[in-house]
């Protein structure tokens, strides 16, 4: 489980990250990366977004978000996150419609490839 200190929670933090328009995408995700840190005392915060266009039921949307948090947590635990992401204040991952029907291992590979693009 990803701790709350590593999650984006405020709308202002989300909008500040979106405003920079530093994004990459693949078949399953779109990732926005925030500005670089000035101080290394603060951890990098991650936000995960699944819109109602993906599925109308909150149960399905929350399942995707839980999977994304778990993938990110595993990468953090194993120190496999590139320095570009570690030096950013925040980043946001937006799920596309294909993520709903995809198994966990394929999502993990796709997420790892997307992080390596930054």
N, C-alpha and C. Protein backbone atom coordinates (compact mmCIF):
# COMPACT_ATOMS: atom_id res chain seq x y z
N UNK A 1 0.84 -1.18 0.00
CA UNK A 1 0.00 0.00 0.00
C UNK A 1 0.88 1.24 0.00
N UNK A 2 0.55 2.17 -0.83
CA UNK A 2 1.30 3.41 -0.94
C UNK A 2 0.84 4.36 0.17
N UNK A 3 1.79 4.84 0.97
CA UNK A 3 1.46 5.72 2.09
C UNK A 3 0.94 7.06 1.60
N UNK A 4 0.17 7.73 2.44
CA UNK A 4 -0.44 8.99 2.06
C UNK A 4 0.57 10.10 1.81
N UNK A 5 1.72 10.03 2.44
CA UNK A 5 2.72 11.08 2.23
C UNK A 5 3.32 11.01 0.83
N UNK A 6 3.11 9.90 0.13
CA UNK A 6 3.59 9.76 -1.25
C UNK A 6 2.50 9.98 -2.29
N UNK A 7 1.30 10.36 -1.87
CA UNK A 7 0.18 10.55 -2.80
C UNK A 7 -0.17 12.02 -2.95
N UNK A 8 -0.56 12.40 -4.17
CA UNK A 8 -1.13 13.73 -4.40
C UNK A 8 -2.57 13.67 -3.94
N UNK A 9 -2.98 14.66 -3.15
CA UNK A 9 -4.35 14.64 -2.64
C UNK A 9 -5.12 15.91 -2.92
N UNK A 10 -4.44 17.03 -3.07
CA UNK A 10 -5.14 18.30 -3.23
C UNK A 10 -5.33 18.64 -4.70
N UNK A 11 -6.43 19.29 -4.99
CA UNK A 11 -6.73 19.68 -6.37
C UNK A 11 -5.71 20.68 -6.90
N UNK A 12 -5.17 21.53 -6.03
CA UNK A 12 -4.17 22.50 -6.46
C UNK A 12 -2.88 21.81 -6.91
N UNK A 13 -2.53 20.72 -6.24
CA UNK A 13 -1.33 19.98 -6.63
C UNK A 13 -1.53 19.30 -7.98
N UNK A 14 -2.72 18.78 -8.21
CA UNK A 14 -3.03 18.17 -9.50
C UNK A 14 -2.97 19.22 -10.62
N UNK A 15 -3.60 20.35 -10.40
CA UNK A 15 -3.64 21.37 -11.45
C UNK A 15 -2.25 21.96 -11.72
N UNK A 16 -1.43 22.07 -10.70
CA UNK A 16 -0.07 22.58 -10.90
C UNK A 16 0.76 21.61 -11.74
N UNK A 17 0.56 20.32 -11.53
CA UNK A 17 1.29 19.32 -12.31
C UNK A 17 0.79 19.28 -13.75
N UNK A 18 -0.52 19.39 -13.95
CA UNK A 18 -1.08 19.40 -15.30
C UNK A 18 -0.63 20.63 -16.09
N UNK A 19 -0.48 21.75 -15.40
CA UNK A 19 -0.16 23.01 -16.05
C UNK A 19 1.20 22.97 -16.75
N UNK A 20 2.13 22.16 -16.28
CA UNK A 20 3.47 22.11 -16.87
C UNK A 20 3.49 21.41 -18.23
N UNK A 21 2.52 20.55 -18.49
CA UNK A 21 2.34 19.87 -19.78
C UNK A 21 3.57 19.06 -20.20
N UNK A 22 4.24 18.49 -19.24
CA UNK A 22 5.36 17.60 -19.52
C UNK A 22 4.81 16.18 -19.45
N UNK A 23 4.40 15.63 -20.61
CA UNK A 23 3.72 14.34 -20.56
C UNK A 23 4.27 13.35 -21.58
N UNK A 24 4.09 12.09 -21.26
CA UNK A 24 4.42 10.95 -22.13
C UNK A 24 3.24 9.99 -22.05
N UNK A 25 3.09 9.15 -23.08
CA UNK A 25 1.99 8.20 -23.06
C UNK A 25 2.36 6.91 -23.77
N UNK A 26 1.57 5.88 -23.49
CA UNK A 26 1.65 4.62 -24.21
C UNK A 26 0.23 4.08 -24.37
N UNK A 27 0.07 2.80 -24.62
CA UNK A 27 -1.26 2.25 -24.88
C UNK A 27 -2.18 2.26 -23.66
N UNK A 28 -1.61 2.23 -22.47
CA UNK A 28 -2.41 2.09 -21.26
C UNK A 28 -2.48 3.33 -20.38
N UNK A 29 -1.47 4.19 -20.45
CA UNK A 29 -1.39 5.31 -19.52
C UNK A 29 -0.93 6.59 -20.20
N UNK A 30 -1.25 7.72 -19.56
CA UNK A 30 -0.67 9.02 -19.87
C UNK A 30 -0.05 9.50 -18.57
N UNK A 31 1.21 9.94 -18.62
CA UNK A 31 1.89 10.37 -17.42
C UNK A 31 2.34 11.82 -17.55
N UNK A 32 1.97 12.62 -16.56
CA UNK A 32 2.40 14.01 -16.46
C UNK A 32 3.44 14.09 -15.34
N UNK A 33 4.53 14.78 -15.60
CA UNK A 33 5.59 14.92 -14.60
C UNK A 33 5.68 16.38 -14.18
N UNK A 34 5.82 16.62 -12.89
CA UNK A 34 5.87 17.97 -12.36
C UNK A 34 7.25 18.59 -12.44
N UNK A 35 7.39 19.73 -11.82
CA UNK A 35 8.64 20.48 -11.84
C UNK A 35 9.68 19.81 -10.94
N UNK A 36 10.97 20.08 -11.19
CA UNK A 36 12.03 19.48 -10.37
C UNK A 36 12.02 20.03 -8.94
N UNK A 37 12.50 19.22 -8.03
CA UNK A 37 12.56 19.61 -6.62
C UNK A 37 13.67 20.63 -6.40
N UNK A 38 13.41 21.56 -5.52
CA UNK A 38 14.45 22.48 -5.08
C UNK A 38 15.14 21.92 -3.84
N UNK A 39 14.36 21.19 -3.06
CA UNK A 39 14.83 20.63 -1.80
C UNK A 39 14.57 19.13 -1.81
N UNK A 40 15.51 18.32 -1.45
CA UNK A 40 15.31 16.87 -1.46
C UNK A 40 14.66 16.35 -0.18
N UNK A 41 14.21 17.24 0.69
CA UNK A 41 13.58 16.81 1.94
C UNK A 41 12.17 16.24 1.71
N UNK A 42 11.52 16.66 0.63
CA UNK A 42 10.16 16.24 0.37
C UNK A 42 10.14 15.04 -0.57
N UNK A 43 9.28 14.07 -0.29
CA UNK A 43 9.19 12.92 -1.20
C UNK A 43 8.42 13.27 -2.47
N UNK A 44 8.67 12.51 -3.52
CA UNK A 44 7.92 12.67 -4.75
C UNK A 44 6.51 12.14 -4.53
N UNK A 45 5.52 12.92 -4.95
CA UNK A 45 4.13 12.51 -4.75
C UNK A 45 3.52 12.06 -6.07
N UNK A 46 2.71 11.02 -6.00
CA UNK A 46 2.10 10.45 -7.20
C UNK A 46 0.59 10.57 -7.11
N UNK A 47 -0.03 10.86 -8.24
CA UNK A 47 -1.49 10.91 -8.33
C UNK A 47 -1.95 9.95 -9.42
N UNK A 48 -3.04 9.26 -9.16
CA UNK A 48 -3.57 8.29 -10.11
C UNK A 48 -5.00 8.66 -10.43
N UNK A 49 -5.30 8.80 -11.74
CA UNK A 49 -6.61 9.27 -12.17
C UNK A 49 -7.23 8.23 -13.10
N UNK A 50 -8.48 7.89 -12.81
CA UNK A 50 -9.26 7.02 -13.69
C UNK A 50 -10.61 7.70 -13.87
N UNK A 51 -10.92 8.11 -15.08
CA UNK A 51 -12.12 8.89 -15.30
C UNK A 51 -13.36 7.99 -15.42
N UNK A 52 -14.51 8.62 -15.37
CA UNK A 52 -15.76 7.89 -15.53
C UNK A 52 -15.96 7.37 -16.94
N UNK A 53 -15.19 7.89 -17.88
CA UNK A 53 -15.26 7.37 -19.25
C UNK A 53 -14.74 5.94 -19.34
N UNK A 54 -13.85 5.57 -18.44
CA UNK A 54 -13.30 4.22 -18.42
C UNK A 54 -14.39 3.22 -18.04
N UNK A 55 -15.05 3.50 -16.93
CA UNK A 55 -16.17 2.65 -16.49
C UNK A 55 -17.03 3.49 -15.56
N UNK A 56 -18.32 3.28 -15.62
CA UNK A 56 -19.22 4.11 -14.80
C UNK A 56 -19.25 3.68 -13.34
N UNK A 57 -18.84 2.45 -13.03
CA UNK A 57 -18.88 1.95 -11.67
C UNK A 57 -17.59 2.29 -10.93
N UNK A 58 -17.75 2.85 -9.74
CA UNK A 58 -16.60 3.26 -8.94
C UNK A 58 -15.75 2.07 -8.51
N UNK A 59 -16.35 0.91 -8.37
CA UNK A 59 -15.62 -0.29 -7.97
C UNK A 59 -14.53 -0.61 -8.99
N UNK A 60 -14.87 -0.53 -10.25
CA UNK A 60 -13.92 -0.82 -11.33
C UNK A 60 -12.82 0.24 -11.39
N UNK A 61 -13.20 1.50 -11.24
CA UNK A 61 -12.21 2.58 -11.27
C UNK A 61 -11.24 2.47 -10.09
N UNK A 62 -11.77 2.15 -8.92
CA UNK A 62 -10.92 2.02 -7.75
C UNK A 62 -9.97 0.82 -7.86
N UNK A 63 -10.42 -0.23 -8.52
CA UNK A 63 -9.57 -1.39 -8.74
C UNK A 63 -8.35 -1.01 -9.57
N UNK A 64 -8.56 -0.23 -10.61
CA UNK A 64 -7.44 0.22 -11.45
C UNK A 64 -6.50 1.09 -10.64
N UNK A 65 -7.04 2.00 -9.83
CA UNK A 65 -6.18 2.87 -9.02
C UNK A 65 -5.38 2.06 -7.99
N UNK A 66 -5.99 1.06 -7.39
CA UNK A 66 -5.26 0.21 -6.45
C UNK A 66 -4.12 -0.52 -7.14
N UNK A 67 -4.38 -1.00 -8.35
CA UNK A 67 -3.33 -1.68 -9.10
C UNK A 67 -2.17 -0.73 -9.42
N UNK A 68 -2.50 0.48 -9.84
CA UNK A 68 -1.46 1.46 -10.17
C UNK A 68 -0.63 1.83 -8.94
N UNK A 69 -1.30 2.02 -7.81
CA UNK A 69 -0.57 2.33 -6.58
C UNK A 69 0.36 1.18 -6.18
N UNK A 70 -0.11 -0.04 -6.35
CA UNK A 70 0.71 -1.19 -6.00
C UNK A 70 1.92 -1.32 -6.91
N UNK A 71 1.74 -1.06 -8.19
CA UNK A 71 2.86 -1.10 -9.13
C UNK A 71 3.90 -0.05 -8.75
N UNK A 72 3.44 1.16 -8.47
CA UNK A 72 4.36 2.24 -8.09
C UNK A 72 5.05 1.91 -6.77
N UNK A 73 4.33 1.35 -5.82
CA UNK A 73 4.91 0.98 -4.52
C UNK A 73 6.00 -0.07 -4.70
N UNK A 74 5.78 -1.06 -5.55
CA UNK A 74 6.79 -2.08 -5.81
C UNK A 74 8.04 -1.47 -6.43
N UNK A 75 7.86 -0.54 -7.34
CA UNK A 75 9.01 0.13 -7.95
C UNK A 75 9.78 0.95 -6.92
N UNK A 76 9.07 1.62 -6.04
CA UNK A 76 9.71 2.41 -4.99
C UNK A 76 10.49 1.51 -4.03
N UNK A 77 9.86 0.41 -3.65
CA UNK A 77 10.47 -0.50 -2.70
C UNK A 77 11.76 -1.11 -3.25
N UNK A 78 11.79 -1.38 -4.55
CA UNK A 78 12.96 -1.99 -5.17
C UNK A 78 13.94 -0.97 -5.74
N UNK A 79 13.70 0.31 -5.51
CA UNK A 79 14.55 1.41 -6.01
C UNK A 79 14.75 1.34 -7.52
N UNK A 80 13.68 1.11 -8.26
CA UNK A 80 13.74 1.01 -9.71
C UNK A 80 13.17 2.24 -10.40
N UNK A 81 12.93 3.30 -9.65
CA UNK A 81 12.38 4.52 -10.23
C UNK A 81 13.54 5.37 -10.74
N UNK A 82 13.48 5.83 -11.99
CA UNK A 82 14.57 6.64 -12.53
C UNK A 82 14.74 7.96 -11.77
N UNK A 83 15.93 8.53 -11.88
CA UNK A 83 16.23 9.75 -11.14
C UNK A 83 15.38 10.93 -11.59
N UNK A 84 14.92 10.94 -12.86
CA UNK A 84 14.06 12.03 -13.35
C UNK A 84 12.77 12.09 -12.54
N UNK A 85 12.18 10.94 -12.27
CA UNK A 85 10.93 10.89 -11.51
C UNK A 85 11.22 11.17 -10.03
N UNK A 86 12.31 10.65 -9.49
CA UNK A 86 12.64 10.87 -8.09
C UNK A 86 12.93 12.33 -7.79
N UNK A 87 13.43 13.05 -8.78
CA UNK A 87 13.76 14.46 -8.58
C UNK A 87 12.59 15.40 -8.86
N UNK A 88 11.44 14.85 -9.27
CA UNK A 88 10.26 15.68 -9.54
C UNK A 88 9.44 15.85 -8.27
N UNK A 89 8.74 16.97 -8.18
CA UNK A 89 7.86 17.18 -7.03
C UNK A 89 6.67 16.24 -7.07
N UNK A 90 6.14 16.03 -8.28
CA UNK A 90 4.95 15.20 -8.40
C UNK A 90 4.83 14.64 -9.80
N UNK A 91 4.02 13.60 -9.92
CA UNK A 91 3.65 13.11 -11.23
C UNK A 91 2.27 12.49 -11.14
N UNK A 92 1.58 12.48 -12.28
CA UNK A 92 0.21 11.98 -12.35
C UNK A 92 0.14 10.93 -13.44
N UNK A 93 -0.54 9.84 -13.15
CA UNK A 93 -0.77 8.78 -14.13
C UNK A 93 -2.26 8.71 -14.40
N UNK A 94 -2.63 8.85 -15.67
CA UNK A 94 -4.02 8.77 -16.08
C UNK A 94 -4.21 7.47 -16.84
N UNK A 95 -5.17 6.68 -16.43
CA UNK A 95 -5.43 5.39 -17.07
C UNK A 95 -6.28 5.57 -18.32
N UNK A 96 -5.98 4.77 -19.33
CA UNK A 96 -6.79 4.73 -20.54
C UNK A 96 -7.75 3.55 -20.46
N UNK A 97 -8.65 3.46 -21.42
CA UNK A 97 -9.71 2.45 -21.36
C UNK A 97 -9.20 1.01 -21.45
N UNK A 98 -8.05 0.78 -22.04
CA UNK A 98 -7.51 -0.57 -22.17
C UNK A 98 -7.09 -1.18 -20.83
N UNK A 99 -6.85 -0.36 -19.83
CA UNK A 99 -6.36 -0.87 -18.55
C UNK A 99 -7.38 -1.73 -17.82
N UNK A 100 -8.64 -1.54 -18.12
CA UNK A 100 -9.70 -2.27 -17.42
C UNK A 100 -9.63 -3.77 -17.69
N UNK A 101 -9.32 -4.16 -18.91
CA UNK A 101 -9.33 -5.56 -19.30
C UNK A 101 -7.95 -6.21 -19.32
N UNK A 102 -6.94 -5.51 -18.85
CA UNK A 102 -5.58 -6.00 -18.92
C UNK A 102 -5.16 -6.61 -17.60
N UNK A 103 -4.37 -7.69 -17.66
CA UNK A 103 -3.92 -8.32 -16.43
C UNK A 103 -2.79 -7.51 -15.78
N UNK A 104 -2.55 -7.81 -14.52
CA UNK A 104 -1.64 -7.03 -13.68
C UNK A 104 -0.21 -7.04 -14.22
N UNK A 105 0.27 -8.18 -14.66
CA UNK A 105 1.67 -8.26 -15.12
C UNK A 105 1.91 -7.41 -16.35
N UNK A 106 0.96 -7.36 -17.26
CA UNK A 106 1.11 -6.54 -18.45
C UNK A 106 1.06 -5.05 -18.10
N UNK A 107 0.20 -4.69 -17.15
CA UNK A 107 0.15 -3.30 -16.69
C UNK A 107 1.48 -2.89 -16.05
N UNK A 108 2.06 -3.80 -15.30
CA UNK A 108 3.34 -3.50 -14.63
C UNK A 108 4.45 -3.27 -15.65
N UNK A 109 4.50 -4.08 -16.68
CA UNK A 109 5.51 -3.91 -17.73
C UNK A 109 5.30 -2.58 -18.46
N UNK A 110 4.05 -2.27 -18.77
CA UNK A 110 3.74 -1.03 -19.48
C UNK A 110 4.06 0.19 -18.63
N UNK A 111 3.75 0.13 -17.35
CA UNK A 111 4.03 1.24 -16.43
C UNK A 111 5.54 1.45 -16.31
N UNK A 112 6.29 0.37 -16.20
CA UNK A 112 7.74 0.47 -16.10
C UNK A 112 8.34 1.07 -17.37
N UNK A 113 7.84 0.68 -18.52
CA UNK A 113 8.32 1.25 -19.79
C UNK A 113 8.03 2.75 -19.87
N UNK A 114 6.86 3.14 -19.40
CA UNK A 114 6.50 4.57 -19.46
C UNK A 114 7.37 5.39 -18.52
N UNK A 115 7.66 4.87 -17.35
CA UNK A 115 8.53 5.60 -16.41
C UNK A 115 9.93 5.73 -16.98
N UNK A 116 10.40 4.73 -17.68
CA UNK A 116 11.74 4.78 -18.27
C UNK A 116 11.84 5.82 -19.39
N UNK A 117 10.71 6.20 -20.01
CA UNK A 117 10.72 7.21 -21.07
C UNK A 117 11.13 8.57 -20.54
N UNK A 118 10.81 8.86 -19.27
CA UNK A 118 11.16 10.15 -18.70
C UNK A 118 12.61 10.12 -18.38
